[in-house]
Amino acid sequence: MNTTTDHDAKMAEMTFASVYPHYITKVERKGRTKEELHQVIEWLTGFGDDKLQKLIDEKANFAIFFGRAKLNPNAHLITGVICGYRVEEIENPLTKQIRYLDKLVDELAKGRKMEKILRQA
């Protein structure tokens, strides 16, 4: 699926710090924890709590955020629709990575088991 150049540019420039509080609110509203959110983020990106906080403090945009990430080798197993896009069909690599994160947060908020979210089973 093709996203527009403008859409991809907006996604790249959006700061992780601006989206992160929404992730926390979304998962906590559904009975999940900030710690579980961090576990999901670390699985996808390799960022532990300290590195994540550093990226938030420096207001890193998603281009920088994912540029520094060590994407999990099983990230390609993340499939499905998020924000109207089928993740596996997104052609722009950065937009796909951002939507991977969105999809994992969505699965966490929907109560999916952690081993399924982390593509372990």
N, C-alpha and C. Protein backbone atom coordinates (compact mmCIF):
# COMPACT_ATOMS: atom_id res chain seq x y z
N MET A 1 0.85 -1.17 0.00
CA MET A 1 0.00 0.00 0.00
C MET A 1 0.89 1.23 0.00
N ASN A 2 0.59 2.15 -0.84
CA ASN A 2 1.37 3.38 -0.91
C ASN A 2 0.77 4.44 0.00
N THR A 3 1.64 5.04 0.79
CA THR A 3 1.26 6.23 1.53
C THR A 3 1.78 7.40 0.71
N THR A 4 1.30 8.58 0.96
CA THR A 4 1.77 9.73 0.20
C THR A 4 3.10 10.21 0.76
N THR A 5 3.84 10.92 -0.06
CA THR A 5 5.11 11.49 0.37
C THR A 5 4.90 12.43 1.54
N ASP A 6 3.85 13.24 1.49
CA ASP A 6 3.54 14.16 2.59
C ASP A 6 3.25 13.39 3.88
N HIS A 7 2.47 12.33 3.77
CA HIS A 7 2.14 11.51 4.93
C HIS A 7 3.41 10.94 5.54
N ASP A 8 4.28 10.38 4.71
CA ASP A 8 5.53 9.79 5.21
C ASP A 8 6.41 10.84 5.88
N ALA A 9 6.47 12.03 5.29
CA ALA A 9 7.29 13.11 5.86
C ALA A 9 6.74 13.56 7.22
N LYS A 10 5.43 13.67 7.33
CA LYS A 10 4.81 14.06 8.60
C LYS A 10 5.08 13.01 9.67
N MET A 11 5.01 11.75 9.29
CA MET A 11 5.27 10.67 10.25
C MET A 11 6.73 10.74 10.72
N ALA A 12 7.66 10.96 9.81
CA ALA A 12 9.09 11.00 10.14
C ALA A 12 9.41 12.14 11.09
N GLU A 13 8.75 13.28 10.93
CA GLU A 13 9.04 14.46 11.73
C GLU A 13 8.32 14.50 13.07
N MET A 14 7.30 13.67 13.24
CA MET A 14 6.57 13.62 14.49
C MET A 14 7.51 13.13 15.59
N THR A 15 7.46 13.76 16.76
CA THR A 15 8.35 13.32 17.83
C THR A 15 7.74 12.16 18.60
N PHE A 16 8.61 11.26 19.00
CA PHE A 16 8.16 10.15 19.83
C PHE A 16 7.57 10.67 21.13
N ALA A 17 8.19 11.72 21.69
CA ALA A 17 7.71 12.30 22.95
C ALA A 17 6.27 12.80 22.85
N SER A 18 5.85 13.23 21.67
CA SER A 18 4.48 13.73 21.51
C SER A 18 3.45 12.60 21.46
N VAL A 19 3.87 11.42 21.07
CA VAL A 19 2.97 10.28 20.92
C VAL A 19 2.98 9.38 22.16
N TYR A 20 4.11 9.32 22.81
CA TYR A 20 4.31 8.42 23.95
C TYR A 20 3.23 8.56 25.03
N PRO A 21 2.85 9.78 25.47
CA PRO A 21 1.79 9.87 26.49
C PRO A 21 0.46 9.26 26.02
N HIS A 22 0.19 9.33 24.73
CA HIS A 22 -1.04 8.74 24.20
C HIS A 22 -0.97 7.21 24.26
N TYR A 23 0.23 6.66 24.01
CA TYR A 23 0.41 5.21 24.15
C TYR A 23 0.12 4.78 25.58
N ILE A 24 0.69 5.51 26.55
CA ILE A 24 0.49 5.17 27.96
C ILE A 24 -0.99 5.23 28.31
N THR A 25 -1.65 6.32 27.95
CA THR A 25 -3.07 6.49 28.24
C THR A 25 -3.89 5.35 27.64
N LYS A 26 -3.59 5.01 26.38
CA LYS A 26 -4.34 3.97 25.69
C LYS A 26 -4.22 2.62 26.40
N VAL A 27 -3.01 2.23 26.77
CA VAL A 27 -2.85 0.91 27.38
C VAL A 27 -3.35 0.89 28.83
N GLU A 28 -3.13 1.97 29.57
CA GLU A 28 -3.59 2.00 30.97
C GLU A 28 -5.12 2.05 31.05
N ARG A 29 -5.74 2.74 30.12
CA ARG A 29 -7.20 2.80 30.09
C ARG A 29 -7.80 1.41 29.91
N LYS A 30 -7.04 0.52 29.27
CA LYS A 30 -7.51 -0.84 29.02
C LYS A 30 -6.95 -1.85 30.02
N GLY A 31 -6.37 -1.34 31.13
CA GLY A 31 -5.92 -2.23 32.19
C GLY A 31 -4.52 -2.79 32.03
N ARG A 32 -3.77 -2.28 31.08
CA ARG A 32 -2.38 -2.72 30.92
C ARG A 32 -1.47 -1.69 31.59
N THR A 33 -0.18 -1.99 31.70
CA THR A 33 0.73 -1.13 32.45
C THR A 33 1.77 -0.45 31.56
N LYS A 34 2.35 0.59 32.13
CA LYS A 34 3.45 1.29 31.46
C LYS A 34 4.63 0.32 31.29
N GLU A 35 4.84 -0.54 32.25
CA GLU A 35 5.92 -1.52 32.17
C GLU A 35 5.71 -2.47 30.99
N GLU A 36 4.47 -2.89 30.78
CA GLU A 36 4.17 -3.75 29.63
C GLU A 36 4.41 -3.00 28.32
N LEU A 37 4.03 -1.72 28.29
CA LEU A 37 4.28 -0.89 27.12
C LEU A 37 5.78 -0.83 26.84
N HIS A 38 6.57 -0.61 27.88
CA HIS A 38 8.02 -0.54 27.71
C HIS A 38 8.59 -1.87 27.23
N GLN A 39 8.02 -2.96 27.70
CA GLN A 39 8.46 -4.28 27.24
C GLN A 39 8.22 -4.44 25.74
N VAL A 40 7.08 -3.99 25.28
CA VAL A 40 6.74 -4.07 23.86
C VAL A 40 7.67 -3.17 23.04
N ILE A 41 7.91 -1.96 23.52
CA ILE A 41 8.80 -1.03 22.81
C ILE A 41 10.22 -1.60 22.76
N GLU A 42 10.67 -2.16 23.88
CA GLU A 42 12.02 -2.73 23.90
C GLU A 42 12.13 -3.92 22.95
N TRP A 43 11.11 -4.75 22.89
CA TRP A 43 11.13 -5.89 21.97
C TRP A 43 11.29 -5.40 20.53
N LEU A 44 10.55 -4.37 20.16
CA LEU A 44 10.61 -3.88 18.79
C LEU A 44 11.89 -3.13 18.47
N THR A 45 12.34 -2.28 19.40
CA THR A 45 13.43 -1.34 19.10
C THR A 45 14.77 -1.65 19.76
N GLY A 46 14.74 -2.42 20.83
CA GLY A 46 15.94 -2.66 21.61
C GLY A 46 16.20 -1.60 22.66
N PHE A 47 15.33 -0.59 22.78
CA PHE A 47 15.53 0.50 23.73
C PHE A 47 15.03 0.12 25.12
N GLY A 48 15.95 0.09 26.10
CA GLY A 48 15.56 -0.09 27.49
C GLY A 48 15.00 1.23 28.03
N ASP A 49 14.63 1.22 29.30
CA ASP A 49 14.01 2.40 29.91
C ASP A 49 14.88 3.65 29.83
N ASP A 50 16.19 3.50 30.11
CA ASP A 50 17.08 4.66 30.11
C ASP A 50 17.20 5.28 28.71
N LYS A 51 17.40 4.44 27.72
CA LYS A 51 17.54 4.93 26.35
C LYS A 51 16.23 5.56 25.87
N LEU A 52 15.12 4.95 26.23
CA LEU A 52 13.82 5.47 25.87
C LEU A 52 13.61 6.86 26.47
N GLN A 53 13.96 7.01 27.74
CA GLN A 53 13.81 8.31 28.39
C GLN A 53 14.71 9.35 27.75
N LYS A 54 15.90 8.97 27.36
CA LYS A 54 16.82 9.89 26.70
C LYS A 54 16.22 10.39 25.38
N LEU A 55 15.63 9.49 24.61
CA LEU A 55 15.00 9.87 23.33
C LEU A 55 13.80 10.80 23.57
N ILE A 56 13.06 10.54 24.64
CA ILE A 56 11.93 11.41 24.99
C ILE A 56 12.45 12.79 25.38
N ASP A 57 13.48 12.82 26.22
CA ASP A 57 14.03 14.09 26.69
C ASP A 57 14.59 14.94 25.55
N GLU A 58 15.20 14.30 24.58
CA GLU A 58 15.77 15.07 23.46
C GLU A 58 14.74 15.34 22.36
N LYS A 59 13.51 14.88 22.60
CA LYS A 59 12.42 15.09 21.65
C LYS A 59 12.78 14.59 20.25
N ALA A 60 13.31 13.36 20.22
CA ALA A 60 13.70 12.73 18.95
C ALA A 60 12.47 12.48 18.10
N ASN A 61 12.59 12.83 16.82
CA ASN A 61 11.49 12.51 15.91
C ASN A 61 11.58 11.03 15.54
N PHE A 62 10.56 10.54 14.85
CA PHE A 62 10.53 9.11 14.54
C PHE A 62 11.66 8.71 13.59
N ALA A 63 12.13 9.61 12.74
CA ALA A 63 13.26 9.28 11.88
C ALA A 63 14.49 8.99 12.72
N ILE A 64 14.75 9.81 13.72
CA ILE A 64 15.88 9.59 14.62
C ILE A 64 15.62 8.36 15.50
N PHE A 65 14.42 8.27 16.04
CA PHE A 65 14.04 7.17 16.92
C PHE A 65 14.31 5.82 16.25
N PHE A 66 13.76 5.62 15.07
CA PHE A 66 13.95 4.33 14.41
C PHE A 66 15.31 4.22 13.74
N GLY A 67 15.96 5.35 13.46
CA GLY A 67 17.32 5.32 12.94
C GLY A 67 18.30 4.74 13.96
N ARG A 68 18.00 4.93 15.23
CA ARG A 68 18.85 4.42 16.31
C ARG A 68 18.42 3.05 16.81
N ALA A 69 17.25 2.62 16.40
CA ALA A 69 16.71 1.35 16.88
C ALA A 69 17.40 0.16 16.22
N LYS A 70 17.42 -0.93 16.96
CA LYS A 70 17.85 -2.22 16.40
C LYS A 70 16.56 -3.03 16.29
N LEU A 71 15.92 -2.93 15.13
CA LEU A 71 14.61 -3.55 14.95
C LEU A 71 14.67 -5.06 15.17
N ASN A 72 13.72 -5.57 15.90
CA ASN A 72 13.65 -7.00 16.17
C ASN A 72 13.56 -7.77 14.85
N PRO A 73 14.33 -8.84 14.71
CA PRO A 73 14.30 -9.61 13.46
C PRO A 73 12.93 -10.22 13.16
N ASN A 74 12.07 -10.34 14.16
CA ASN A 74 10.72 -10.87 13.93
C ASN A 74 9.68 -9.78 13.69
N ALA A 75 10.12 -8.54 13.55
CA ALA A 75 9.16 -7.45 13.32
C ALA A 75 8.32 -7.68 12.07
N HIS A 76 8.89 -8.35 11.09
CA HIS A 76 8.14 -8.61 9.85
C HIS A 76 6.91 -9.49 10.09
N LEU A 77 6.84 -10.12 11.25
CA LEU A 77 5.68 -10.95 11.58
C LEU A 77 4.49 -10.12 12.05
N ILE A 78 4.69 -8.82 12.24
CA ILE A 78 3.60 -7.93 12.65
C ILE A 78 2.76 -7.64 11.41
N THR A 79 1.52 -8.07 11.45
CA THR A 79 0.63 -7.89 10.31
C THR A 79 -0.72 -7.38 10.80
N GLY A 80 -1.53 -6.94 9.85
CA GLY A 80 -2.88 -6.49 10.18
C GLY A 80 -3.07 -5.04 9.81
N VAL A 81 -4.23 -4.53 10.16
CA VAL A 81 -4.61 -3.16 9.79
C VAL A 81 -4.48 -2.26 11.00
N ILE A 82 -3.85 -1.12 10.79
CA ILE A 82 -3.75 -0.09 11.81
C ILE A 82 -3.89 1.26 11.12
N CYS A 83 -4.74 2.11 11.66
CA CYS A 83 -4.98 3.44 11.10
C CYS A 83 -5.36 3.39 9.62
N GLY A 84 -6.07 2.35 9.24
CA GLY A 84 -6.54 2.22 7.87
C GLY A 84 -5.53 1.66 6.88
N TYR A 85 -4.36 1.28 7.37
CA TYR A 85 -3.33 0.74 6.49
C TYR A 85 -3.02 -0.69 6.89
N ARG A 86 -2.86 -1.56 5.91
CA ARG A 86 -2.40 -2.93 6.17
C ARG A 86 -0.89 -2.84 6.32
N VAL A 87 -0.39 -3.12 7.51
CA VAL A 87 1.01 -2.92 7.87
C VAL A 87 1.96 -3.58 6.88
N GLU A 88 1.68 -4.81 6.54
CA GLU A 88 2.61 -5.55 5.68
C GLU A 88 2.66 -5.02 4.25
N GLU A 89 1.76 -4.14 3.88
CA GLU A 89 1.74 -3.58 2.53
C GLU A 89 2.32 -2.17 2.45
N ILE A 90 2.69 -1.58 3.57
CA ILE A 90 3.27 -0.24 3.56
C ILE A 90 4.66 -0.32 2.96
N GLU A 91 4.92 0.52 1.97
CA GLU A 91 6.19 0.45 1.24
C GLU A 91 7.30 1.28 1.86
N ASN A 92 6.98 2.43 2.45
CA ASN A 92 8.01 3.28 3.05
C ASN A 92 8.51 2.60 4.33
N PRO A 93 9.81 2.29 4.42
CA PRO A 93 10.32 1.55 5.58
C PRO A 93 10.08 2.24 6.92
N LEU A 94 10.28 3.54 7.00
CA LEU A 94 10.08 4.23 8.27
C LEU A 94 8.61 4.25 8.67
N THR A 95 7.74 4.54 7.73
CA THR A 95 6.30 4.52 8.02
C THR A 95 5.88 3.14 8.47
N LYS A 96 6.42 2.10 7.85
CA LYS A 96 6.11 0.72 8.26
C LYS A 96 6.55 0.48 9.70
N GLN A 97 7.74 0.96 10.07
CA GLN A 97 8.24 0.76 11.43
C GLN A 97 7.36 1.48 12.45
N ILE A 98 6.95 2.69 12.12
CA ILE A 98 6.07 3.45 13.02
C ILE A 98 4.75 2.70 13.19
N ARG A 99 4.22 2.18 12.11
CA ARG A 99 2.96 1.44 12.19
C ARG A 99 3.13 0.11 12.90
N TYR A 100 4.33 -0.49 12.84
CA TYR A 100 4.60 -1.68 13.65
C TYR A 100 4.39 -1.33 15.12
N LEU A 101 4.96 -0.22 15.54
CA LEU A 101 4.83 0.20 16.93
C LEU A 101 3.37 0.48 17.27
N ASP A 102 2.68 1.19 16.41
CA ASP A 102 1.25 1.46 16.63
C ASP A 102 0.46 0.16 16.78
N LYS A 103 0.76 -0.81 15.93
CA LYS A 103 0.05 -2.08 15.95
C LYS A 103 0.31 -2.84 17.26
N LEU A 104 1.56 -2.83 17.71
CA LEU A 104 1.88 -3.51 18.97
C LEU A 104 1.17 -2.86 20.15
N VAL A 105 1.15 -1.53 20.17
CA VAL A 105 0.46 -0.81 21.24
C VAL A 105 -1.03 -1.13 21.20
N ASP A 106 -1.59 -1.18 20.01
CA ASP A 106 -3.01 -1.51 19.84
C ASP A 106 -3.30 -2.93 20.36
N GLU A 107 -2.44 -3.88 20.01
CA GLU A 107 -2.63 -5.26 20.49
C GLU A 107 -2.54 -5.33 22.01
N LEU A 108 -1.60 -4.59 22.59
CA LEU A 108 -1.47 -4.55 24.04
C LEU A 108 -2.75 -4.00 24.67
N ALA A 109 -3.25 -2.91 24.14
CA ALA A 109 -4.46 -2.28 24.67
C ALA A 109 -5.69 -3.17 24.51
N LYS A 110 -5.69 -4.01 23.48
CA LYS A 110 -6.83 -4.89 23.25
C LYS A 110 -6.78 -6.16 24.10
N GLY A 111 -5.72 -6.28 24.92
CA GLY A 111 -5.66 -7.41 25.85
C GLY A 111 -5.00 -8.66 25.29
N ARG A 112 -4.35 -8.55 24.17
CA ARG A 112 -3.67 -9.72 23.61
C ARG A 112 -2.57 -10.18 24.56
N LYS A 113 -2.34 -11.48 24.61
CA LYS A 113 -1.32 -12.03 25.48
C LYS A 113 0.06 -11.56 25.03
N MET A 114 0.92 -11.29 26.00
CA MET A 114 2.24 -10.73 25.72
C MET A 114 3.05 -11.63 24.79
N GLU A 115 3.00 -12.95 24.98
CA GLU A 115 3.79 -13.83 24.10
C GLU A 115 3.33 -13.75 22.64
N LYS A 116 2.06 -13.44 22.44
CA LYS A 116 1.56 -13.26 21.06
C LYS A 116 2.01 -11.92 20.50
N ILE A 117 1.94 -10.88 21.34
CA ILE A 117 2.37 -9.55 20.90
C ILE A 117 3.84 -9.58 20.51
N LEU A 118 4.65 -10.29 21.30
CA LEU A 118 6.08 -10.35 21.06
C LEU A 118 6.46 -11.45 20.07
N ARG A 119 5.47 -11.97 19.40
CA ARG A 119 5.66 -12.95 18.32
C ARG A 119 6.52 -14.12 18.77
N GLN A 120 6.18 -14.66 19.96
CA GLN A 120 6.94 -15.78 20.50
C GLN A 120 6.22 -17.12 20.31
N ALA A 121 4.96 -17.06 19.94
CA ALA A 121 4.22 -18.32 19.79
C ALA A 121 3.37 -18.27 18.54
